[in-house]
Protein backbone atom coordinates (compact mmCIF):
# COMPACT_ATOMS: atom_id res chain seq x y z
CA UNK A 1 71.66 76.52 184.04
CA UNK A 2 74.51 74.56 183.88
CA UNK A 3 74.60 71.97 180.83
CA UNK A 4 77.57 69.73 180.59
CA UNK A 5 77.89 68.32 177.06
CA UNK A 6 79.89 65.20 176.26
CA UNK A 7 82.07 65.89 173.65
CA UNK A 8 84.38 63.68 173.13
CA UNK A 9 83.91 62.60 169.37
CA UNK A 10 84.84 66.30 168.32
CA UNK A 11 87.33 65.24 166.78
CA UNK A 12 89.44 67.90 164.65
CA UNK A 13 90.73 64.99 161.90
CA UNK A 14 87.75 62.82 161.97
CA UNK A 15 84.46 64.47 163.14
CA UNK A 16 81.88 61.66 161.78
CA UNK A 17 78.63 60.87 162.55
CA UNK A 18 78.29 61.77 166.32
CA UNK A 19 80.97 64.26 165.87
CA UNK A 20 78.53 65.75 163.00
CA UNK A 21 75.15 65.50 165.51
CA UNK A 22 77.00 67.73 168.60
CA UNK A 23 78.82 70.66 166.71
CA UNK A 24 75.57 71.29 164.35
CA UNK A 25 73.22 71.01 167.14
CA UNK A 26 75.03 73.16 170.06
CA UNK A 27 76.23 75.31 168.20
CA UNK A 28 73.14 76.45 167.80
CA UNK A 29 71.69 75.59 170.86
CA UNK A 30 74.76 77.61 172.75
CA UNK A 31 73.92 80.89 170.76
CA UNK A 32 70.49 80.54 171.34
CA UNK A 33 70.44 80.13 174.54
CA UNK A 34 73.16 82.65 175.87
CA UNK A 35 71.85 82.99 179.35
CA UNK A 36 72.82 79.21 180.31
CA UNK A 37 76.67 77.82 180.38
CA UNK A 38 77.93 74.99 178.88
CA UNK A 39 80.29 72.58 179.57
CA UNK A 40 81.94 70.64 177.46
CA UNK A 41 83.65 67.34 178.74
CA UNK A 42 86.77 66.43 175.86
CA UNK A 43 88.48 63.07 177.20
CA UNK A 44 91.54 64.74 174.68
CA UNK A 45 93.12 68.44 173.92
CA UNK A 46 90.42 69.83 171.78
CA UNK A 47 90.38 72.86 168.92
CA UNK A 48 89.28 75.87 169.53
CA UNK A 49 86.90 75.91 166.58
CA UNK A 50 84.74 73.66 168.69
CA UNK A 51 84.32 76.30 171.24
CA UNK A 52 81.30 78.33 169.70
CA UNK A 53 80.98 81.09 172.22
CA UNK A 54 81.97 82.96 175.34
CA UNK A 55 79.01 80.89 177.14
CA UNK A 56 81.18 77.61 176.46
CA UNK A 57 83.69 75.79 179.03
CA UNK A 58 86.07 73.13 178.13
CA UNK A 59 87.17 71.19 180.03
CA UNK A 60 89.16 68.18 179.05
CA UNK A 61 90.02 65.25 181.54
CA UNK A 62 90.98 62.08 180.78
CA UNK A 63 92.29 59.34 179.86
CA UNK A 64 91.04 59.24 175.87
CA UNK A 65 88.20 56.80 175.96
CA UNK A 66 88.48 54.60 173.34
CA UNK A 67 87.95 51.13 174.61
CA UNK A 68 85.53 49.25 177.40
CA UNK A 69 87.52 49.41 180.11
CA UNK A 70 88.57 53.18 179.55
CA UNK A 71 84.49 53.32 178.88
CA UNK A 72 83.68 52.51 182.20
CA UNK A 73 86.18 54.68 183.86
CA UNK A 74 86.02 57.83 182.17
CA UNK A 75 81.77 57.59 182.17
CA UNK A 76 81.46 56.20 185.80
CA UNK A 77 84.74 57.93 187.69
CA UNK A 78 86.53 60.82 185.33
CA UNK A 79 82.62 62.81 184.65
CA UNK A 80 80.99 62.37 186.95
CA UNK A 81 83.54 64.33 189.22
CA UNK A 82 83.57 67.31 186.43
CA UNK A 83 79.54 67.32 187.18
CA UNK A 84 80.33 67.73 190.80
CA UNK A 85 83.17 70.64 189.92
CA UNK A 86 81.37 73.01 187.86
CA UNK A 87 77.94 72.13 189.64
CA UNK A 88 76.11 70.54 186.14
CA UNK A 89 72.43 70.82 185.90
CA UNK A 90 71.76 68.29 183.65
CA UNK A 91 74.22 65.78 181.50
CA UNK A 92 73.58 65.20 177.53
CA UNK A 93 75.97 62.51 175.60
CA UNK A 94 75.05 61.75 172.54
CA UNK A 95 76.77 58.54 171.79
CA UNK A 96 74.63 56.15 173.82
CA UNK A 97 76.81 56.01 176.66
CA UNK A 98 75.74 57.61 180.04
CA UNK A 99 77.15 57.93 183.65
CA UNK A 100 75.91 54.96 186.03
CA UNK A 101 77.11 56.88 189.43
CA UNK A 102 76.56 60.39 187.65
CA UNK A 103 73.83 62.35 190.52
CA UNK A 104 72.34 64.35 187.94
CA UNK A 105 69.47 63.96 185.47
CA UNK A 106 70.57 62.80 182.04
CA UNK A 107 69.74 63.18 178.51
CA UNK A 108 70.91 60.48 176.57
CA UNK A 109 71.08 60.10 172.64
CA UNK A 110 71.44 56.74 171.22
CA UNK A 111 71.44 55.95 167.86
CA UNK A 112 70.84 52.58 166.52
CA UNK A 113 70.65 49.30 167.95
CA UNK A 114 73.66 47.98 165.40
CA UNK A 115 75.15 45.65 168.10
CA UNK A 116 72.43 43.81 169.02
CA UNK A 117 71.47 42.96 164.95
CA UNK A 118 75.06 42.22 163.65
CA UNK A 119 77.52 41.80 167.18
CA UNK A 120 79.65 39.99 164.77
CA UNK A 121 80.73 43.23 162.93
CA UNK A 122 82.07 44.90 165.53
CA UNK A 123 84.61 43.56 168.08
CA UNK A 124 83.81 41.26 170.48
CA UNK A 125 84.66 43.38 173.51
CA UNK A 126 82.48 46.15 172.44
CA UNK A 127 79.73 44.00 172.07
CA UNK A 128 79.93 42.68 175.72
CA UNK A 129 80.02 45.64 176.66
CA UNK A 130 77.22 47.30 175.00
CA UNK A 131 74.85 44.02 175.63
CA UNK A 132 75.89 44.12 179.01
CA UNK A 133 75.39 48.18 179.86
CA UNK A 134 72.71 49.58 177.02
CA UNK A 135 69.91 48.50 179.22
CA UNK A 136 71.01 49.90 182.57
CA UNK A 137 72.31 53.64 180.22
CA UNK A 138 68.39 53.50 178.93
CA UNK A 139 67.06 53.24 182.33
CA UNK A 140 69.46 55.85 183.99
CA UNK A 141 68.46 58.16 181.47
CA UNK A 142 65.88 60.83 182.56
CA UNK A 143 65.38 60.97 178.74
CA UNK A 144 65.88 59.39 175.84
CA UNK A 145 66.42 60.19 172.18
CA UNK A 146 67.13 59.16 169.11
CA UNK A 147 67.57 60.10 165.47
CA UNK A 148 64.58 58.12 163.25
CA UNK A 149 60.77 56.08 164.26
CA UNK A 150 62.86 53.43 162.86
CA UNK A 151 65.25 53.55 166.07
CA UNK A 152 62.89 54.24 168.22
CA UNK A 153 60.79 51.48 167.15
CA UNK A 154 63.67 49.25 167.68
CA UNK A 155 64.51 50.30 171.05
CA UNK A 156 60.99 50.01 171.88
CA UNK A 157 60.83 46.31 170.97
CA UNK A 158 64.48 45.22 172.02
CA UNK A 159 64.23 46.73 175.57
CA UNK A 160 60.66 47.50 176.38
CA UNK A 161 61.07 51.02 176.95
CA UNK A 162 57.92 53.19 177.11
CA UNK A 163 58.31 55.20 173.58
CA UNK A 164 57.28 58.33 175.51
CA UNK A 165 60.41 58.80 176.97
CA UNK A 166 61.47 58.70 173.76
CA UNK A 167 61.74 61.43 171.93
CA UNK A 168 63.31 61.74 167.77
CA UNK A 169 65.66 64.05 166.85
CA UNK A 170 66.32 63.35 163.09
CA UNK A 171 69.62 64.44 161.95
CA UNK A 172 70.42 66.74 158.66
CA UNK A 173 72.74 68.08 156.30
CA UNK A 174 75.14 70.59 156.07
CA UNK A 175 74.47 73.42 153.90
CA UNK A 176 78.31 72.99 152.70
CA UNK A 177 76.82 70.21 150.14
CA UNK A 178 75.52 71.36 146.79
CA UNK A 179 75.07 70.55 143.27
CA UNK A 180 78.16 71.19 141.26
CA UNK A 181 78.57 72.73 137.68
CA UNK A 182 79.26 70.23 134.79
CA UNK A 183 82.73 71.56 134.35
CA UNK A 184 82.91 71.66 138.12
CA UNK A 185 82.06 68.15 137.85
CA UNK A 186 84.59 67.39 134.83
CA UNK A 187 87.60 68.52 136.58
CA UNK A 188 86.28 66.68 139.29
CA UNK A 189 86.87 63.30 137.61
CA UNK A 190 89.71 63.80 135.72
CA UNK A 191 91.74 64.19 138.33
CA UNK A 192 90.02 61.45 140.78
CA UNK A 193 88.83 58.38 137.84
CA UNK A 194 90.66 59.48 134.84
CA UNK A 195 87.80 61.25 133.66
CA UNK A 196 85.95 58.49 133.89
CA UNK A 197 82.11 58.32 135.69
CA UNK A 198 81.28 56.42 138.91
CA UNK A 199 79.49 55.44 141.27
CA UNK A 200 79.75 56.70 145.11
CA UNK A 201 80.01 55.33 148.52
CA UNK A 202 81.01 57.20 151.33
CA UNK A 203 80.75 56.30 154.96
CA UNK A 204 83.13 54.60 157.29
CA UNK A 205 84.40 50.97 155.87
CA UNK A 206 83.96 47.58 158.05
CA UNK A 207 81.17 44.90 157.52
CA UNK A 208 78.02 46.69 158.21
CA UNK A 209 78.17 48.72 155.31
CA UNK A 210 78.10 45.97 153.07
CA UNK A 211 80.72 46.96 151.04
CA UNK A 212 81.75 43.19 149.57
CA UNK A 213 77.85 42.98 148.15
CA UNK A 214 78.48 45.92 146.40
CA UNK A 215 81.86 44.24 145.05
CA UNK A 216 79.70 42.03 143.68
CA UNK A 217 77.22 44.38 142.04
CA UNK A 218 79.30 46.16 140.50
CA UNK A 219 81.27 43.04 138.86
CA UNK A 220 77.37 42.06 137.73
CA UNK A 221 76.92 45.87 136.61
CA UNK A 222 80.45 45.85 134.76
CA UNK A 223 79.84 42.34 132.80
CA UNK A 224 76.32 43.26 131.83
CA UNK A 225 76.94 47.23 130.88
CA UNK A 226 80.56 46.60 129.32
CA UNK A 227 81.45 49.77 130.44
CA UNK A 228 84.63 51.97 131.67
CA UNK A 229 83.03 53.73 134.59
CA UNK A 230 84.29 53.74 138.59
CA UNK A 231 83.39 52.95 141.49
CA UNK A 232 84.89 55.00 144.56
CA UNK A 233 84.72 54.39 148.36
CA UNK A 234 85.34 57.47 150.47
CA UNK A 235 85.87 57.28 154.41
CA UNK A 236 87.70 56.51 156.77
CA UNK A 237 89.51 52.61 157.50
CA UNK A 238 87.22 51.52 160.90
CA UNK A 239 87.21 48.18 161.80
CA UNK A 240 87.32 44.54 160.99
CA UNK A 241 88.15 45.94 157.32
CA UNK A 242 91.26 43.83 156.77
CA UNK A 243 89.18 41.06 154.88
CA UNK A 244 87.54 43.53 152.77
CA UNK A 245 90.78 45.27 151.77
CA UNK A 246 92.58 42.19 151.23
CA UNK A 247 89.72 40.91 148.60
CA UNK A 248 90.23 43.92 146.83
CA UNK A 249 93.90 42.74 145.73
CA UNK A 250 92.30 39.60 143.99
CA UNK A 251 89.26 41.44 143.13
CA UNK A 252 88.81 40.90 138.98
CA UNK A 253 88.22 44.71 138.53
CA UNK A 254 90.43 46.51 141.03
CA UNK A 255 91.75 48.82 138.97
CA UNK A 256 87.84 50.42 138.15
CA UNK A 257 88.24 50.86 142.25
CA UNK A 258 89.15 53.86 144.20
CA UNK A 259 89.92 53.73 148.02
CA UNK A 260 90.15 57.28 149.38
CA UNK A 261 90.57 57.08 152.73
CA UNK A 262 89.14 59.72 155.04
CA UNK A 263 88.03 63.00 153.06
CA UNK A 264 88.16 66.37 154.57
CA UNK A 265 84.97 67.97 154.44
CA UNK A 266 85.60 70.47 151.19
CA UNK A 267 87.09 67.34 149.07
CA UNK A 268 84.29 65.13 150.16
CA UNK A 269 81.57 68.09 148.80
CA UNK A 270 83.80 67.64 145.07
CA UNK A 271 83.74 64.30 145.53
CA UNK A 272 79.81 63.96 146.01
CA UNK A 273 78.54 66.04 143.84
CA UNK A 274 80.28 64.70 140.67
CA UNK A 275 79.47 60.99 140.97
CA UNK A 276 77.03 59.90 138.70
CA UNK A 277 74.78 57.92 141.61
CA UNK A 278 75.45 57.39 145.62
CA UNK A 279 75.06 53.44 146.60
CA UNK A 280 74.50 53.32 150.17
CA UNK A 281 73.64 49.55 151.05
CA UNK A 282 73.81 49.47 154.15
CA UNK A 283 72.66 46.13 156.17
CA UNK A 284 71.46 48.45 159.69
CA UNK A 285 71.24 52.42 159.77
CA UNK A 286 70.39 54.41 162.41
CA UNK A 287 69.64 57.18 159.86
CA UNK A 288 72.09 57.50 156.82
CA UNK A 289 73.12 60.74 156.79
CA UNK A 290 75.30 60.29 153.44
CA UNK A 291 72.14 59.75 151.78
CA UNK A 292 70.44 63.30 152.52
CA UNK A 293 73.80 64.67 151.76
CA UNK A 294 74.11 62.88 148.41
CA UNK A 295 70.41 64.24 147.99
CA UNK A 296 71.14 67.87 148.83
CA UNK A 297 74.28 67.41 146.30
CA UNK A 298 72.06 66.76 143.62
CA UNK A 299 72.95 63.40 142.59
CA UNK A 300 70.44 59.89 143.00
CA UNK A 301 70.04 57.56 145.67
CA UNK A 302 70.58 53.94 145.54
CA UNK A 303 69.91 52.18 149.47
CA UNK A 304 68.44 49.97 151.55
CA UNK A 305 64.99 49.22 151.96
CA UNK A 306 62.97 48.32 155.12
CA UNK A 307 65.35 50.80 156.62
CA UNK A 308 65.90 53.86 158.34
CA UNK A 309 66.78 55.07 154.94
CA UNK A 310 63.32 55.00 153.33
CA UNK A 311 61.93 57.32 156.25
CA UNK A 312 64.57 59.62 155.23
CA UNK A 313 64.33 59.53 151.28
CA UNK A 314 60.83 58.53 150.69
CA UNK A 315 60.20 58.39 147.45
CA UNK A 316 63.25 60.21 146.03
CA UNK A 317 65.71 56.72 146.02
CA UNK A 318 65.91 53.90 145.02
CA UNK A 319 65.46 50.51 147.34
CA UNK A 320 67.58 47.90 146.96
CA UNK A 321 67.65 44.12 149.09
CA UNK A 322 70.76 44.66 150.98
CA UNK A 323 72.07 41.36 151.32
CA UNK A 324 71.40 40.47 147.53
CA UNK A 325 74.13 41.45 145.19
CA UNK A 326 72.03 41.10 141.69
CA UNK A 327 69.28 43.39 143.41
CA UNK A 328 71.82 46.40 143.90
CA UNK A 329 73.62 45.51 140.36
CA UNK A 330 70.04 46.03 139.08
CA UNK A 331 69.71 49.28 140.43
CA UNK A 332 72.57 50.22 139.53
CA UNK A 333 72.09 49.77 135.67
CA UNK A 334 68.55 50.79 136.36
CA UNK A 335 70.22 54.38 136.68
CA UNK A 336 72.87 54.03 134.41
CA UNK A 337 70.07 53.71 131.24
CA UNK A 338 67.38 55.51 132.27
CA UNK A 339 68.21 59.28 132.50
CA UNK A 340 64.63 60.42 132.60
CA UNK A 341 64.30 57.93 136.18
CA UNK A 342 67.98 60.10 137.04
CA UNK A 343 66.56 63.35 136.31
CA UNK A 344 63.64 62.87 138.77
CA UNK A 345 65.20 60.99 141.69
CA UNK A 346 67.48 64.19 141.64
CA UNK A 347 64.78 66.56 141.63
CA UNK A 348 62.52 64.85 144.32
CA UNK A 349 66.02 64.31 146.21
CA UNK A 350 66.72 67.63 146.63
CA UNK A 351 63.54 68.71 147.45
CA UNK A 352 63.06 66.04 150.10
CA UNK A 353 66.52 67.21 151.52
CA UNK A 354 65.46 70.47 151.95
CA UNK A 355 62.86 69.29 155.03
CA UNK A 356 65.72 68.54 157.15
CA UNK A 357 67.09 71.46 159.14
CA UNK A 358 70.40 71.31 161.82
CA UNK A 359 67.60 74.26 163.65
CA UNK A 360 64.61 72.01 163.75
CA UNK A 361 66.65 69.19 165.16
CA UNK A 362 68.62 71.61 167.74
CA UNK A 363 65.12 73.17 168.99
CA UNK A 364 64.41 69.05 169.34
CA UNK A 365 67.13 67.77 171.18
CA UNK A 366 66.65 71.39 173.32
CA UNK A 367 63.50 70.12 174.19
CA UNK A 368 65.23 66.94 174.88
CA UNK A 369 67.07 67.71 177.57
CA UNK A 370 64.69 70.07 179.51
CA UNK A 371 62.52 66.81 179.97
CA UNK A 372 65.93 65.54 181.45
CA UNK A 373 64.94 67.95 184.24
CA UNK A 374 61.43 67.05 184.33
């Protein structure tokens, strides 16, 4: 069998959500099924480390698909040409898009419908594309996969897709994330925050991540606790980030906010492991991988209620109303004051993170691919 895979998010310098999912699942799938061939379709030159085995055939077909016009061209013209040339039996796409012109059965993984709930937080051209084509993608796909029960219910509610057509393949977390020793934590703090304790957010910088409310919450925390603690924001500048970055210039506690930009994985492991607590007040997610990374790193988590993060973390996190800076600040102050609570969350978080495993996710995705083929 020849399985074609959309690998345009396997990017050497920015291996984030979609890219991590493809890397972790298909590394395992290709290894476990050496009798099958995998056609990895890139839209730009690729790093050889993403060719996980001898049964993987890399194909580069441009142009780089990074805006709606080129999305349409790449998926409906370039990808079908590759599928025909290599006689693919199935096409799997893990970024919410599929080909509307390809003849082979397709398995579509759609992480979330954030664009429907927060349309103003993305470029208008992207929103219009998602709004117009997502129902067509869902109809075209023979098999649909998503990352949480939360997203499965949302897809069913918004588009009326039969829930039996949607399977759940949860994310997991890499083993590289781990707790640090006390001296290792101090070394990281010495280099990052002049030795001060810090709250941490990791993820892309854009409006849906709710960082403006996080700044307001940090102001409340600083005013009430009179502490010298820092707030570290780690992640690439994604979209509509300029108003937030400009607001930092006049932010009262700007000297206590550290923006690291995108961090390589090895550096992120240290920054995560040395944090006092992880704060992730996102307005909408499909899963919330950073929450798992934090729990595996042995730091307590504060995140959003009524979200898939509740599904992921269960009793191993504190939950806030993301629209309320006071709610976020209250939990930051609680975890600052209550060492016993913090220790309890760390233990529960470590145990919860162990429930998520990339081997299991890869097996579930493989079943979704087979379902697409009937």
